[in-house]
Amino acid sequence: METISDAYEHNARVHERLRSVIAGISQDQLNARPDGEKWSVQEIVEHIAMVDEGTSRICTKLVGEAKAAGKPGNGRIGLSPAFGEKSAVVAGIKVEAPERVQPKGEATVDESFARMEATASAFDAIRADLETYDLSEHTFPHPFFGQITASEWLVLAGGHAERHTKQIERLKEKL
């Protein structure tokens, strides 16, 4: 993934795959927590929606800062070496979600998908600016990755949804 456009396309594919993985799961299965699982499928989808919303707000803030600085960008993602290293580490470990993005179990899958659609629209609203301005000098801290740019947050959003889609696939085998 080299460009902002690549990240948008990847993230859209990940969310489509998430929808297809969820399709056909009964409400009882969506709510079930098999032995050894902390969250149900429904709670995982709620968590993804919560994280997507937060990521959208962070990216909007960072893009605003980059736009105010007025420095032109090139539409490329520009992942830092530290981001790549942390991505490799996180792929092999279980990560505890911060309290603010722990699912409450109050949202249905349909409600969570509606929130994701609204978030996708918010991401669409900042896409041109993400592609236009230099994002490299504006960062916001992530609990595991540290200070990362808007383009790194965008990549992380897709990776996060992809990670949990795989988790749902594993969980489905236990249902």
Protein backbone atom coordinates (compact mmCIF):
# COMPACT_ATOMS: atom_id res chain seq x y z
CA MET A 1 0.00 0.00 0.00
CA GLU A 2 1.63 3.16 -1.20
CA THR A 3 -1.02 5.83 -1.62
CA ILE A 4 -3.96 7.24 0.31
CA SER A 5 -6.14 5.90 -2.50
CA ASP A 6 -4.72 2.40 -1.93
CA ALA A 7 -5.59 2.67 1.77
CA TYR A 8 -9.17 3.72 1.00
CA GLU A 9 -9.61 0.82 -1.43
CA HIS A 10 -8.12 -1.64 1.06
CA ASN A 11 -10.30 -0.40 3.91
CA ALA A 12 -13.43 -0.67 1.75
CA ARG A 13 -12.55 -4.27 0.83
CA VAL A 14 -11.95 -5.13 4.49
CA HIS A 15 -15.36 -3.77 5.50
CA GLU A 16 -17.04 -5.65 2.62
CA ARG A 17 -15.35 -8.84 3.80
CA LEU A 18 -16.49 -8.16 7.37
CA ARG A 19 -20.07 -7.88 6.14
CA SER A 20 -19.79 -11.14 4.20
CA VAL A 21 -18.30 -12.96 7.21
CA ILE A 22 -21.20 -11.76 9.37
CA ALA A 23 -23.87 -12.65 6.79
CA GLY A 24 -25.92 -15.66 7.76
CA ILE A 25 -25.03 -15.66 11.43
CA SER A 26 -28.16 -15.96 13.56
CA GLN A 27 -28.93 -13.45 16.31
CA ASP A 28 -28.25 -16.13 18.94
CA GLN A 29 -24.85 -16.79 17.39
CA LEU A 30 -24.09 -13.06 17.17
CA ASN A 31 -24.70 -12.79 20.93
CA ALA A 32 -22.94 -16.02 21.95
CA ARG A 33 -19.60 -16.02 23.75
CA PRO A 34 -18.00 -19.43 23.23
CA ASP A 35 -15.71 -20.73 25.97
CA GLY A 36 -12.51 -18.76 26.19
CA GLU A 37 -13.87 -15.75 24.28
CA LYS A 38 -14.16 -12.34 25.90
CA TRP A 39 -16.47 -10.80 23.28
CA SER A 40 -19.34 -12.00 21.12
CA VAL A 41 -19.40 -11.36 17.36
CA GLN A 42 -21.87 -8.53 17.99
CA GLU A 43 -19.49 -6.95 20.53
CA ILE A 44 -16.54 -7.27 18.15
CA VAL A 45 -18.49 -5.44 15.43
CA GLU A 46 -19.48 -2.75 17.96
CA HIS A 47 -15.79 -2.38 18.90
CA ILE A 48 -14.77 -1.97 15.25
CA ALA A 49 -17.40 0.75 14.82
CA MET A 50 -16.17 2.56 17.94
CA VAL A 51 -12.53 2.44 16.82
CA ASP A 52 -13.43 3.55 13.29
CA GLU A 53 -15.28 6.58 14.70
CA GLY A 54 -12.35 7.55 16.89
CA THR A 55 -9.90 7.09 14.04
CA SER A 56 -12.04 9.29 11.80
CA ARG A 57 -12.06 12.07 14.41
CA ILE A 58 -8.29 11.82 14.86
CA CYS A 59 -7.66 11.88 11.10
CA THR A 60 -9.97 14.89 10.71
CA LYS A 61 -8.05 16.73 13.44
CA LEU A 62 -4.66 15.89 11.92
CA VAL A 63 -5.77 16.78 8.40
CA GLY A 64 -7.02 20.12 9.73
CA GLU A 65 -3.58 20.79 11.19
CA ALA A 66 -1.87 19.78 7.94
CA LYS A 67 -4.26 21.93 5.91
CA ALA A 68 -3.61 24.93 8.19
CA ALA A 69 0.14 24.44 7.68
CA GLY A 70 -0.50 24.50 3.92
CA LYS A 71 2.42 22.29 3.00
CA PRO A 72 1.60 20.26 -0.14
CA GLY A 73 1.79 16.49 -0.01
CA ASN A 74 2.05 13.87 -2.70
CA GLY A 75 -0.82 11.51 -1.88
CA ARG A 76 1.58 8.87 -0.62
CA ILE A 77 1.19 7.17 2.74
CA GLY A 78 4.77 7.38 3.97
CA LEU A 79 4.72 4.82 6.77
CA SER A 80 7.53 5.24 9.27
CA PRO A 81 9.90 2.35 9.99
CA ALA A 82 8.64 2.35 13.60
CA PHE A 83 5.06 1.88 12.33
CA GLY A 84 6.16 -1.11 10.26
CA GLU A 85 8.01 -2.64 13.21
CA LYS A 86 5.05 -2.15 15.57
CA SER A 87 2.69 -3.61 12.96
CA ALA A 88 4.77 -6.77 12.79
CA VAL A 89 4.81 -7.08 16.58
CA VAL A 90 1.08 -6.46 17.06
CA ALA A 91 0.22 -9.07 14.41
CA GLY A 92 1.53 -11.79 16.69
CA ILE A 93 0.13 -10.73 20.07
CA LYS A 94 -3.20 -10.29 21.79
CA VAL A 95 -3.87 -6.64 22.56
CA GLU A 96 -6.23 -5.37 25.27
CA ALA A 97 -8.48 -2.61 23.98
CA PRO A 98 -8.49 0.60 26.02
CA GLU A 99 -11.59 1.12 28.14
CA ARG A 100 -12.95 3.87 25.85
CA VAL A 101 -13.33 1.39 22.97
CA GLN A 102 -14.51 -1.62 24.96
CA PRO A 103 -17.92 -2.70 23.62
CA LYS A 104 -20.86 -2.12 25.92
CA GLY A 105 -22.99 -4.84 24.31
CA GLU A 106 -25.72 -2.30 23.64
CA ALA A 107 -25.42 -1.93 19.85
CA THR A 108 -26.84 -4.40 17.36
CA VAL A 109 -24.74 -5.46 14.39
CA ASP A 110 -27.00 -3.38 12.13
CA GLU A 111 -26.50 -0.32 14.34
CA SER A 112 -22.74 -0.85 14.34
CA PHE A 113 -22.70 -1.19 10.54
CA ALA A 114 -24.75 2.03 10.28
CA ARG A 115 -22.13 3.76 12.43
CA MET A 116 -19.39 2.38 10.14
CA GLU A 117 -21.21 3.74 7.09
CA ALA A 118 -21.43 7.18 8.71
CA THR A 119 -17.74 6.97 9.54
CA ALA A 120 -16.92 5.98 5.96
CA SER A 121 -18.73 9.14 4.83
CA ALA A 122 -16.66 11.19 7.30
CA PHE A 123 -13.49 9.61 5.89
CA ASP A 124 -14.70 10.40 2.35
CA ALA A 125 -15.13 14.05 3.37
CA ILE A 126 -11.42 14.36 4.23
CA ARG A 127 -10.01 12.18 1.46
CA ALA A 128 -9.05 15.03 -0.88
CA ASP A 129 -7.20 16.80 1.93
CA LEU A 130 -5.45 13.58 2.96
CA GLU A 131 -4.23 13.30 -0.63
CA THR A 132 -3.35 17.00 -0.95
CA TYR A 133 -1.48 18.01 2.20
CA ASP A 134 1.76 16.87 3.83
CA LEU A 135 0.67 14.73 6.77
CA SER A 136 4.15 13.84 8.02
CA GLU A 137 4.52 16.58 10.63
CA HIS A 138 1.22 16.10 12.47
CA THR A 139 0.74 13.15 14.80
CA PHE A 140 -1.60 11.83 17.46
CA PRO A 141 -0.65 9.15 20.02
CA HIS A 142 -1.89 5.58 19.75
CA PRO A 143 -1.69 3.42 22.92
CA PHE A 144 0.53 0.82 21.22
CA PHE A 145 2.01 2.53 18.14
CA GLY A 146 2.93 5.82 19.79
CA GLN A 147 2.85 9.06 17.76
CA ILE A 148 1.46 8.32 14.29
CA THR A 149 0.31 10.40 11.33
CA ALA A 150 -3.15 10.61 9.76
CA SER A 151 -2.09 8.31 6.93
CA GLU A 152 -0.80 5.78 9.47
CA TRP A 153 -4.10 6.02 11.39
CA LEU A 154 -5.91 5.38 8.09
CA VAL A 155 -3.83 2.26 7.41
CA LEU A 156 -4.27 1.16 11.01
CA ALA A 157 -8.07 1.42 10.71
CA GLY A 158 -8.10 -1.13 7.90
CA GLY A 159 -5.64 -3.38 9.69
CA HIS A 160 -7.73 -3.23 12.85
CA ALA A 161 -10.95 -4.20 11.06
CA GLU A 162 -9.09 -6.95 9.21
CA ARG A 163 -7.65 -8.35 12.45
CA HIS A 164 -11.11 -8.53 14.02
CA THR A 165 -12.68 -10.01 10.87
CA LYS A 166 -10.22 -12.89 11.19
CA GLN A 167 -11.12 -13.14 14.87
CA ILE A 168 -14.80 -13.43 13.93
CA GLU A 169 -13.97 -16.16 11.41
CA ARG A 170 -12.22 -18.14 14.18
CA LEU A 171 -15.09 -17.48 16.59
CA LYS A 172 -17.65 -18.71 14.00
CA GLU A 173 -15.95 -22.10 14.05
CA LYS A 174 -16.81 -22.38 17.76
CA LEU A 175 -20.48 -21.40 17.32
